[in-house]
PDB file of N, CA and C in Angstrom:
ATOM      1  N   UNK A   1     -16.425-109.749 -55.297  1.00  0.00           N
ATOM      2  CA  UNK A   1     -18.058-109.483 -54.450  1.00  0.00           C
ATOM      3  C   UNK A   1     -17.176-109.752 -52.922  1.00  0.00           C
ATOM      4  N   UNK A   2     -17.652-109.348 -51.961  1.00  0.00           N
ATOM      5  CA  UNK A   2     -17.411-109.803 -50.620  1.00  0.00           C
ATOM      6  C   UNK A   2     -18.378-110.150 -50.171  1.00  0.00           C
ATOM      7  N   UNK A   3     -17.704-111.024 -49.744  1.00  0.00           N
ATOM      8  CA  UNK A   3     -18.117-112.413 -48.872  1.00  0.00           C
ATOM      9  C   UNK A   3     -18.765-112.302 -47.468  1.00  0.00           C
ATOM     10  N   UNK A   4     -19.813-113.052 -46.505  1.00  0.00           N
ATOM     11  CA  UNK A   4     -19.884-112.682 -45.310  1.00  0.00           C
ATOM     12  C   UNK A   4     -19.980-113.484 -44.281  1.00  0.00           C
ATOM     13  N   UNK A   5     -19.127-113.858 -43.370  1.00  0.00           N
ATOM     14  CA  UNK A   5     -18.800-114.888 -42.302  1.00  0.00           C
ATOM     15  C   UNK A   5     -19.694-114.447 -41.221  1.00  0.00           C
ATOM     16  N   UNK A   6     -20.011-115.494 -40.572  1.00  0.00           N
ATOM     17  CA  UNK A   6     -21.018-114.949 -38.795  1.00  0.00           C
ATOM     18  C   UNK A   6     -20.645-115.965 -38.116  1.00  0.00           C
ATOM     19  N   UNK A   7     -19.719-115.874 -37.192  1.00  0.00           N
ATOM     20  CA  UNK A   7     -19.249-116.277 -36.195  1.00  0.00           C
ATOM     21  C   UNK A   7     -20.183-117.164 -35.717  1.00  0.00           C
ATOM     22  N   UNK A   8     -19.944-117.776 -34.503  1.00  0.00           N
ATOM     23  CA  UNK A   8     -20.944-118.999 -33.796  1.00  0.00           C
ATOM     24  C   UNK A   8     -21.309-117.763 -32.696  1.00  0.00           C
ATOM     25  N   UNK A   9     -20.826-117.391 -32.037  1.00  0.00           N
ATOM     26  CA  UNK A   9     -20.819-116.237 -31.058  1.00  0.00           C
ATOM     27  C   UNK A   9     -21.814-115.258 -31.801  1.00  0.00           C
ATOM     28  N   UNK A  10     -21.857-114.472 -33.203  1.00  0.00           N
ATOM     29  CA  UNK A  10     -22.905-113.666 -33.409  1.00  0.00           C
ATOM     30  C   UNK A  10     -24.499-114.563 -34.151  1.00  0.00           C
ATOM     31  N   UNK A  11     -23.926-115.424 -34.575  1.00  0.00           N
ATOM     32  CA  UNK A  11     -25.399-116.425 -34.897  1.00  0.00           C
ATOM     33  C   UNK A  11     -25.649-116.762 -33.741  1.00  0.00           C
ATOM     34  N   UNK A  12     -25.535-116.810 -32.685  1.00  0.00           N
ATOM     35  CA  UNK A  12     -26.432-116.932 -31.375  1.00  0.00           C
ATOM     36  C   UNK A  12     -26.942-115.752 -29.850  1.00  0.00           C
ATOM     37  N   UNK A  13     -26.237-114.825 -30.140  1.00  0.00           N
ATOM     38  CA  UNK A  13     -26.866-113.717 -29.943  1.00  0.00           C
ATOM     39  C   UNK A  13     -27.636-112.976 -30.568  1.00  0.00           C
ATOM     40  N   UNK A  14     -27.511-113.466 -32.080  1.00  0.00           N
ATOM     41  CA  UNK A  14     -28.248-112.346 -32.908  1.00  0.00           C
ATOM     42  C   UNK A  14     -29.807-113.881 -32.660  1.00  0.00           C
ATOM     43  N   UNK A  15     -29.462-114.926 -32.632  1.00  0.00           N
ATOM     44  CA  UNK A  15     -30.952-115.648 -32.480  1.00  0.00           C
ATOM     45  C   UNK A  15     -31.461-115.316 -31.036  1.00  0.00           C
ATOM     46  N   UNK A  16     -30.627-115.659 -29.951  1.00  0.00           N
ATOM     47  CA  UNK A  16     -31.461-115.036 -28.675  1.00  0.00           C
ATOM     48  C   UNK A  16     -31.970-113.829 -28.589  1.00  0.00           C
ATOM     49  N   UNK A  17     -31.767-113.288 -28.940  1.00  0.00           N
ATOM     50  CA  UNK A  17     -32.541-111.641 -29.286  1.00  0.00           C
ATOM     51  C   UNK A  17     -33.661-111.545 -30.060  1.00  0.00           C
ATOM     52  N   UNK A  18     -33.588-112.773 -31.028  1.00  0.00           N
ATOM     53  CA  UNK A  18     -34.832-113.038 -32.024  1.00  0.00           C
ATOM     54  C   UNK A  18     -34.747-111.750 -33.227  1.00  0.00           C
ATOM     55  N   UNK A  19     -33.840-111.166 -33.454  1.00  0.00           N
ATOM     56  CA  UNK A  19     -33.279-109.972 -34.630  1.00  0.00           C
ATOM     57  C   UNK A  19     -32.640-110.307 -36.313  1.00  0.00           C
ATOM     58  N   UNK A  20     -33.166-111.714 -36.071  1.00  0.00           N
ATOM     59  CA  UNK A  20     -32.865-112.832 -37.275  1.00  0.00           C
ATOM     60  C   UNK A  20     -33.077-111.329 -38.536  1.00  0.00           C
ATOM     61  N   UNK A  21     -34.581-110.804 -38.504  1.00  0.00           N
ATOM     62  CA  UNK A  21     -34.955-110.739 -40.242  1.00  0.00           C
ATOM     63  C   UNK A  21     -34.058-109.144 -39.821  1.00  0.00           C
ATOM     64  N   UNK A  22     -34.231-107.962 -38.726  1.00  0.00           N
ATOM     65  CA  UNK A  22     -33.529-107.137 -39.407  1.00  0.00           C
ATOM     66  C   UNK A  22     -31.766-107.604 -39.425  1.00  0.00           C
ATOM     67  N   UNK A  23     -31.203-107.994 -38.750  1.00  0.00           N
ATOM     68  CA  UNK A  23     -30.167-108.552 -39.077  1.00  0.00           C
ATOM     69  C   UNK A  23     -29.497-108.914 -40.699  1.00  0.00           C
ATOM     70  N   UNK A  24     -30.478-109.603 -41.195  1.00  0.00           N
ATOM     71  CA  UNK A  24     -30.676-110.224 -42.270  1.00  0.00           C
ATOM     72  C   UNK A  24     -30.959-108.990 -43.375  1.00  0.00           C
ATOM     73  N   UNK A  25     -31.594-107.906 -43.420  1.00  0.00           N
ATOM     74  CA  UNK A  25     -31.837-106.510 -43.819  1.00  0.00           C
ATOM     75  C   UNK A  25     -30.246-105.793 -44.003  1.00  0.00           C
ATOM     76  N   UNK A  26     -29.937-105.617 -42.673  1.00  0.00           N
ATOM     77  CA  UNK A  26     -28.668-104.972 -42.489  1.00  0.00           C
ATOM     78  C   UNK A  26     -27.384-105.529 -43.043  1.00  0.00           C
ATOM     79  N   UNK A  27     -27.185-106.594 -43.256  1.00  0.00           N
ATOM     80  CA  UNK A  27     -26.377-107.504 -43.575  1.00  0.00           C
ATOM     81  C   UNK A  27     -26.155-107.027 -45.244  1.00  0.00           C
ATOM     82  N   UNK A  28     -27.117-107.341 -45.690  1.00  0.00           N
ATOM     83  CA  UNK A  28     -26.741-107.060 -47.060  1.00  0.00           C
ATOM     84  C   UNK A  28     -26.997-105.874 -47.581  1.00  0.00           C
ATOM     85  N   UNK A  29     -27.737-105.127 -47.063  1.00  0.00           N
ATOM     86  CA  UNK A  29     -26.884-103.408 -47.123  1.00  0.00           C
ATOM     87  C   UNK A  29     -25.479-103.416 -47.143  1.00  0.00           C
ATOM     88  N   UNK A  30     -25.200-103.814 -46.087  1.00  0.00           N
ATOM     89  CA  UNK A  30     -23.732-103.567 -45.324  1.00  0.00           C
ATOM     90  C   UNK A  30     -22.926-104.713 -46.834  1.00  0.00           C
ATOM     91  N   UNK A  31     -23.144-105.260 -47.687  1.00  0.00           N
ATOM     92  CA  UNK A  31     -22.052-105.840 -48.164  1.00  0.00           C
ATOM     93  C   UNK A  31     -22.467-105.274 -49.634  1.00  0.00           C
ATOM     94  N   UNK A  32     -23.849-105.000 -50.006  1.00  0.00           N
ATOM     95  CA  UNK A  32     -23.871-103.447 -51.051  1.00  0.00           C
ATOM     96  C   UNK A  32     -23.120-102.606 -50.969  1.00  0.00           C
ATOM     97  N   UNK A  33     -23.248-102.188 -50.141  1.00  0.00           N
ATOM     98  CA  UNK A  33     -22.360-100.988 -49.842  1.00  0.00           C
ATOM     99  C   UNK A  33     -21.051-100.641 -49.106  1.00  0.00           C
ATOM    100  N   UNK A  34     -20.597-101.538 -48.544  1.00  0.00           N
ATOM    101  CA  UNK A  34     -18.830-101.567 -47.842  1.00  0.00           C
ATOM    102  C   UNK A  34     -18.179-101.236 -48.967  1.00  0.00           C
ATOM    103  N   UNK A  35     -16.997-100.235 -49.000  1.00  0.00           N
ATOM    104  CA  UNK A  35     -16.031 -99.838 -50.052  1.00  0.00           C
ATOM    105  C   UNK A  35     -16.620 -98.967 -50.668  1.00  0.00           C
ATOM    106  N   UNK A  36     -17.873 -98.198 -50.832  1.00  0.00           N
ATOM    107  CA  UNK A  36     -18.347 -96.554 -50.960  1.00  0.00           C
ATOM    108  C   UNK A  36     -18.503 -95.343 -49.926  1.00  0.00           C
ATOM    109  N   UNK A  37     -17.508 -94.871 -49.570  1.00  0.00           N
ATOM    110  CA  UNK A  37     -17.623 -94.154 -48.415  1.00  0.00           C
ATOM    111  C   UNK A  37     -18.807 -93.094 -48.369  1.00  0.00           C
ATOM    112  N   UNK A  38     -19.423 -92.827 -49.285  1.00  0.00           N
ATOM    113  CA  UNK A  38     -20.600 -92.585 -49.753  1.00  0.00           C
ATOM    114  C   UNK A  38     -21.743 -93.091 -48.667  1.00  0.00           C
ATOM    115  N   UNK A  39     -21.610 -94.637 -48.844  1.00  0.00           N
ATOM    116  CA  UNK A  39     -22.780 -94.923 -48.798  1.00  0.00           C
ATOM    117  C   UNK A  39     -22.585 -95.187 -47.462  1.00  0.00           C
ATOM    118  N   UNK A  40     -21.342 -95.228 -46.609  1.00  0.00           N
ATOM    119  CA  UNK A  40     -21.381 -95.894 -45.232  1.00  0.00           C
ATOM    120  C   UNK A  40     -22.598 -94.842 -44.624  1.00  0.00           C
ATOM    121  N   UNK A  41     -22.248 -93.520 -44.597  1.00  0.00           N
ATOM    122  CA  UNK A  41     -22.881 -92.873 -43.642  1.00  0.00           C
ATOM    123  C   UNK A  41     -24.643 -92.912 -43.535  1.00  0.00           C
ATOM    124  N   UNK A  42     -25.045 -93.081 -44.600  1.00  0.00           N
ATOM    125  CA  UNK A  42     -26.581 -94.208 -44.850  1.00  0.00           C
ATOM    126  C   UNK A  42     -26.552 -95.256 -44.264  1.00  0.00           C
ATOM    127  N   UNK A  43     -25.501 -96.023 -44.175  1.00  0.00           N
ATOM    128  CA  UNK A  43     -25.717 -97.598 -43.431  1.00  0.00           C
ATOM    129  C   UNK A  43     -25.214 -97.622 -42.268  1.00  0.00           C
ATOM    130  N   UNK A  44     -24.803 -96.163 -41.696  1.00  0.00           N
ATOM    131  CA  UNK A  44     -23.935 -95.929 -40.322  1.00  0.00           C
ATOM    132  C   UNK A  44     -23.532 -97.495 -40.108  1.00  0.00           C
ATOM    133  N   UNK A  45     -22.213 -97.245 -41.045  1.00  0.00           N
ATOM    134  CA  UNK A  45     -20.947 -97.492 -40.762  1.00  0.00           C
ATOM    135  C   UNK A  45     -20.010 -96.956 -40.409  1.00  0.00           C
ATOM    136  N   UNK A  46     -18.950 -97.587 -38.950  1.00  0.00           N
ATOM    137  CA  UNK A  46     -18.310 -96.704 -38.634  1.00  0.00           C
ATOM    138  C   UNK A  46     -16.605 -96.881 -38.297  1.00  0.00           C
ATOM    139  N   UNK A  47     -15.908 -97.190 -38.743  1.00  0.00           N
ATOM    140  CA  UNK A  47     -14.774 -97.868 -38.263  1.00  0.00           C
ATOM    141  C   UNK A  47     -14.642 -97.233 -37.016  1.00  0.00           C
ATOM    142  N   UNK A  48     -13.672 -98.248 -36.395  1.00  0.00           N
ATOM    143  CA  UNK A  48     -14.004 -98.309 -34.689  1.00  0.00           C
ATOM    144  C   UNK A  48     -12.244 -98.892 -34.813  1.00  0.00           C
ATOM    145  N   UNK A  49     -11.252 -99.119 -35.751  1.00  0.00           N
ATOM    146  CA  UNK A  49     -10.057 -99.530 -35.507  1.00  0.00           C
ATOM    147  C   UNK A  49      -9.614 -99.897 -37.045  1.00  0.00           C
ATOM    148  N   UNK A  50      -8.390-100.699 -37.061  1.00  0.00           N
ATOM    149  CA  UNK A  50      -7.530-100.356 -38.099  1.00  0.00           C
ATOM    150  C   UNK A  50      -8.125-101.523 -38.945  1.00  0.00           C
ATOM    151  N   UNK A  51      -9.154-102.478 -38.520  1.00  0.00           N
ATOM    152  CA  UNK A  51      -9.257-102.954 -39.375  1.00  0.00           C
ATOM    153  C   UNK A  51     -11.194-103.678 -39.019  1.00  0.00           C
ATOM    154  N   UNK A  52     -11.454-102.566 -37.420  1.00  0.00           N
ATOM    155  CA  UNK A  52     -13.075-102.873 -36.926  1.00  0.00           C
ATOM    156  C   UNK A  52     -13.741-101.719 -37.696  1.00  0.00           C
ATOM    157  N   UNK A  53     -14.772-102.899 -37.983  1.00  0.00           N
ATOM    158  CA  UNK A  53     -16.238-101.384 -38.094  1.00  0.00           C
ATOM    159  C   UNK A  53     -17.431-101.676 -37.460  1.00  0.00           C
ATOM    160  N   UNK A  54     -18.487-100.678 -37.136  1.00  0.00           N
ATOM    161  CA  UNK A  54     -19.756-101.138 -37.171  1.00  0.00           C
ATOM    162  C   UNK A  54     -20.493-100.762 -37.395  1.00  0.00           C
ATOM    163  N   UNK A  55     -22.312-101.606 -37.780  1.00  0.00           N
ATOM    164  CA  UNK A  55     -22.738-100.676 -38.641  1.00  0.00           C
ATOM    165  C   UNK A  55     -24.444-101.033 -37.563  1.00  0.00           C
ATOM    166  N   UNK A  56     -25.033-100.460 -37.899  1.00  0.00           N
ATOM    167  CA  UNK A  56     -26.857-100.144 -36.931  1.00  0.00           C
ATOM    168  C   UNK A  56     -27.725-100.860 -37.601  1.00  0.00           C
ATOM    169  N   UNK A  57     -28.685-101.791 -36.617  1.00  0.00           N
ATOM    170  CA  UNK A  57     -29.737-102.240 -37.527  1.00  0.00           C
ATOM    171  C   UNK A  57     -30.880-101.197 -36.916  1.00  0.00           C
ATOM    172  N   UNK A  58     -30.427-100.390 -36.035  1.00  0.00           N
ATOM    173  CA  UNK A  58     -31.466 -99.407 -35.306  1.00  0.00           C
ATOM    174  C   UNK A  58     -31.022 -98.440 -34.575  1.00  0.00           C
ATOM    175  N   UNK A  59     -31.595 -97.650 -33.959  1.00  0.00           N
ATOM    176  CA  UNK A  59     -30.975 -96.583 -33.042  1.00  0.00           C
ATOM    177  C   UNK A  59     -30.483 -97.748 -31.511  1.00  0.00           C
ATOM    178  N   UNK A  60     -30.750 -98.483 -31.395  1.00  0.00           N
ATOM    179  CA  UNK A  60     -30.725 -99.394 -29.852  1.00  0.00           C
ATOM    180  C   UNK A  60     -29.414-101.138 -30.422  1.00  0.00           C
ATOM    181  N   UNK A  61     -29.427-100.910 -31.290  1.00  0.00           N
ATOM    182  CA  UNK A  61     -28.296-101.860 -31.207  1.00  0.00           C
ATOM    183  C   UNK A  61     -27.300-102.244 -32.677  1.00  0.00           C
ATOM    184  N   UNK A  62     -26.470-102.972 -32.137  1.00  0.00           N
ATOM    185  CA  UNK A  62     -24.936-102.830 -33.264  1.00  0.00           C
ATOM    186  C   UNK A  62     -24.921-103.641 -33.923  1.00  0.00           C
ATOM    187  N   UNK A  63     -24.033-104.315 -35.105  1.00  0.00           N
ATOM    188  CA  UNK A  63     -23.319-105.604 -35.496  1.00  0.00           C
ATOM    189  C   UNK A  63     -21.660-104.777 -35.566  1.00  0.00           C
ATOM    190  N   UNK A  64     -21.280-105.774 -34.860  1.00  0.00           N
ATOM    191  CA  UNK A  64     -19.499-105.104 -35.069  1.00  0.00           C
ATOM    192  C   UNK A  64     -18.685-106.204 -36.192  1.00  0.00           C
ATOM    193  N   UNK A  65     -17.934-106.274 -37.527  1.00  0.00           N
ATOM    194  CA  UNK A  65     -17.074-106.785 -37.659  1.00  0.00           C
ATOM    195  C   UNK A  65     -15.762-106.396 -38.009  1.00  0.00           C
ATOM    196  N   UNK A  66     -15.423-107.580 -38.732  1.00  0.00           N
ATOM    197  CA  UNK A  66     -13.825-107.288 -39.545  1.00  0.00           C
ATOM    198  C   UNK A  66     -13.802-107.001 -40.720  1.00  0.00           C
ATOM    199  N   UNK A  67     -13.070-106.345 -41.099  1.00  0.00           N
ATOM    200  CA  UNK A  67     -12.664-106.374 -42.795  1.00  0.00           C
ATOM    201  C   UNK A  67     -11.820-107.130 -43.049  1.00  0.00           C
ATOM    202  N   UNK A  68     -11.647-108.198 -43.845  1.00  0.00           N
ATOM    203  CA  UNK A  68     -10.672-108.690 -44.476  1.00  0.00           C
ATOM    204  C   UNK A  68     -10.730-108.674 -45.651  1.00  0.00           C
ATOM    205  N   UNK A  69      -9.190-109.177 -45.998  1.00  0.00           N
ATOM    206  CA  UNK A  69      -9.507-109.096 -47.452  1.00  0.00           C
ATOM    207  C   UNK A  69     -10.556-109.668 -48.330  1.00  0.00           C
ATOM    208  N   UNK A  70     -11.420-109.666 -48.986  1.00  0.00           N
ATOM    209  CA  UNK A  70     -12.587-110.115 -49.715  1.00  0.00           C
ATOM    210  C   UNK A  70     -13.655-110.597 -48.502  1.00  0.00           C
ATOM    211  N   UNK A  71     -13.644-110.390 -47.595  1.00  0.00           N
ATOM    212  CA  UNK A  71     -14.699-110.681 -46.980  1.00  0.00           C
ATOM    213  C   UNK A  71     -15.036-109.894 -45.519  1.00  0.00           C
ATOM    214  N   UNK A  72     -16.266-110.043 -44.838  1.00  0.00           N
ATOM    215  CA  UNK A  72     -16.496-109.326 -43.534  1.00  0.00           C
ATOM    216  C   UNK A  72     -16.512-110.289 -42.662  1.00  0.00           C
ATOM    217  N   UNK A  73     -16.333-110.462 -41.919  1.00  0.00           N
ATOM    218  CA  UNK A  73     -16.560-111.513 -40.245  1.00  0.00           C
ATOM    219  C   UNK A  73     -16.769-110.649 -38.915  1.00  0.00           C
ATOM    220  N   UNK A  74     -18.133-111.204 -39.129  1.00  0.00           N
ATOM    221  CA  UNK A  74     -19.523-110.860 -38.146  1.00  0.00           C
ATOM    222  C   UNK A  74     -19.039-111.383 -37.025  1.00  0.00           C
ATOM    223  N   UNK A  75     -18.609-110.566 -35.882  1.00  0.00           N
ATOM    224  CA  UNK A  75     -18.672-111.668 -34.436  1.00  0.00           C
ATOM    225  C   UNK A  75     -19.190-111.010 -33.571  1.00  0.00           C
ATOM    226  N   UNK A  76     -20.120-110.189 -33.537  1.00  0.00           N
ATOM    227  CA  UNK A  76     -20.317-109.377 -32.175  1.00  0.00           C
ATOM    228  C   UNK A  76     -21.657-108.603 -32.607  1.00  0.00           C
ATOM    229  N   UNK A  77     -23.042-108.710 -31.398  1.00  0.00           N
ATOM    230  CA  UNK A  77     -23.991-107.857 -31.575  1.00  0.00           C
ATOM    231  C   UNK A  77     -24.385-107.127 -30.636  1.00  0.00           C
ATOM    232  N   UNK A  78     -24.837-105.891 -30.264  1.00  0.00           N
ATOM    233  CA  UNK A  78     -25.672-105.861 -29.602  1.00  0.00           C
ATOM    234  C   UNK A  78     -25.918-104.423 -29.124  1.00  0.00           C
ATOM    235  N   UNK A  79     -26.107-103.961 -27.976  1.00  0.00           N
ATOM    236  CA  UNK A  79     -26.360-102.523 -27.888  1.00  0.00           C
ATOM    237  C   UNK A  79     -24.712-101.739 -27.510  1.00  0.00           C
ATOM    238  N   UNK A  80     -25.245-100.626 -27.320  1.00  0.00           N
ATOM    239  CA  UNK A  80     -23.523 -99.542 -26.292  1.00  0.00           C
ATOM    240  C   UNK A  80     -22.857-100.222 -26.000  1.00  0.00           C
ATOM    241  N   UNK A  81     -23.289-100.533 -24.605  1.00  0.00           N
ATOM    242  CA  UNK A  81     -22.413-100.752 -22.802  1.00  0.00           C
ATOM    243  C   UNK A  81     -22.035-102.221 -23.904  1.00  0.00           C
ATOM    244  N   UNK A  82     -23.237-103.222 -24.520  1.00  0.00           N
ATOM    245  CA  UNK A  82     -22.134-104.447 -24.679  1.00  0.00           C
ATOM    246  C   UNK A  82     -20.849-104.197 -25.759  1.00  0.00           C
ATOM    247  N   UNK A  83     -21.390-103.408 -26.822  1.00  0.00           N
ATOM    248  CA  UNK A  83     -19.561-103.244 -27.917  1.00  0.00           C
ATOM    249  C   UNK A  83     -19.130-102.680 -27.149  1.00  0.00           C
ATOM    250  N   UNK A  84     -19.501-101.964 -26.075  1.00  0.00           N
ATOM    251  CA  UNK A  84     -18.283-101.417 -25.210  1.00  0.00           C
ATOM    252  C   UNK A  84     -17.276-102.295 -24.670  1.00  0.00           C
ATOM    253  N   UNK A  85     -18.024-103.336 -24.293  1.00  0.00           N
ATOM    254  CA  UNK A  85     -17.301-104.525 -23.009  1.00  0.00           C
ATOM    255  C   UNK A  85     -16.591-105.259 -24.105  1.00  0.00           C
ATOM    256  N   UNK A  86     -17.395-105.616 -25.266  1.00  0.00           N
ATOM    257  CA  UNK A  86     -16.666-106.332 -26.042  1.00  0.00           C
ATOM    258  C   UNK A  86     -15.316-105.854 -26.624  1.00  0.00           C
ATOM    259  N   UNK A  87     -15.330-104.805 -26.930  1.00  0.00           N
ATOM    260  CA  UNK A  87     -14.212-103.823 -27.811  1.00  0.00           C
ATOM    261  C   UNK A  87     -12.863-104.175 -26.508  1.00  0.00           C
ATOM    262  N   UNK A  88     -13.850-103.665 -25.545  1.00  0.00           N
ATOM    263  CA  UNK A  88     -12.184-103.724 -24.483  1.00  0.00           C
ATOM    264  C   UNK A  88     -11.314-104.494 -24.436  1.00  0.00           C
ATOM    265  N   UNK A  89     -12.624-105.890 -24.433  1.00  0.00           N
ATOM    266  CA  UNK A  89     -11.741-106.901 -24.454  1.00  0.00           C
ATOM    267  C   UNK A  89     -10.656-107.823 -25.584  1.00  0.00           C
ATOM    268  N   UNK A  90     -11.029-106.903 -26.897  1.00  0.00           N
ATOM    269  CA  UNK A  90     -10.106-107.045 -28.012  1.00  0.00           C
ATOM    270  C   UNK A  90      -9.225-106.279 -28.081  1.00  0.00           C
ATOM    271  N   UNK A  91      -8.490-105.106 -27.388  1.00  0.00           N
ATOM    272  CA  UNK A  91      -7.306-104.667 -26.963  1.00  0.00           C
ATOM    273  C   UNK A  91      -6.598-104.245 -26.285  1.00  0.00           C
TER     274      UNK A  91
END
């Protein structure tokens, strides 16, 4: 079973955006479907780098996470532009 870790930054962003309900649903779906490539498309999971992935809670909001052995670490959430800015800082 894959565990989920939410960074303080991630929790703050989700709380400030008041998107707790939709993020909770998406996290559950990601945990259930991660590692199953056929489910990735339906869950809007997309690989961004060696260990970085994104998934969408809707058309306008994305959750970024890193896949580590046995766990998914969610560190950032935001719209397209916010995600791009975050990723520029990671490279």
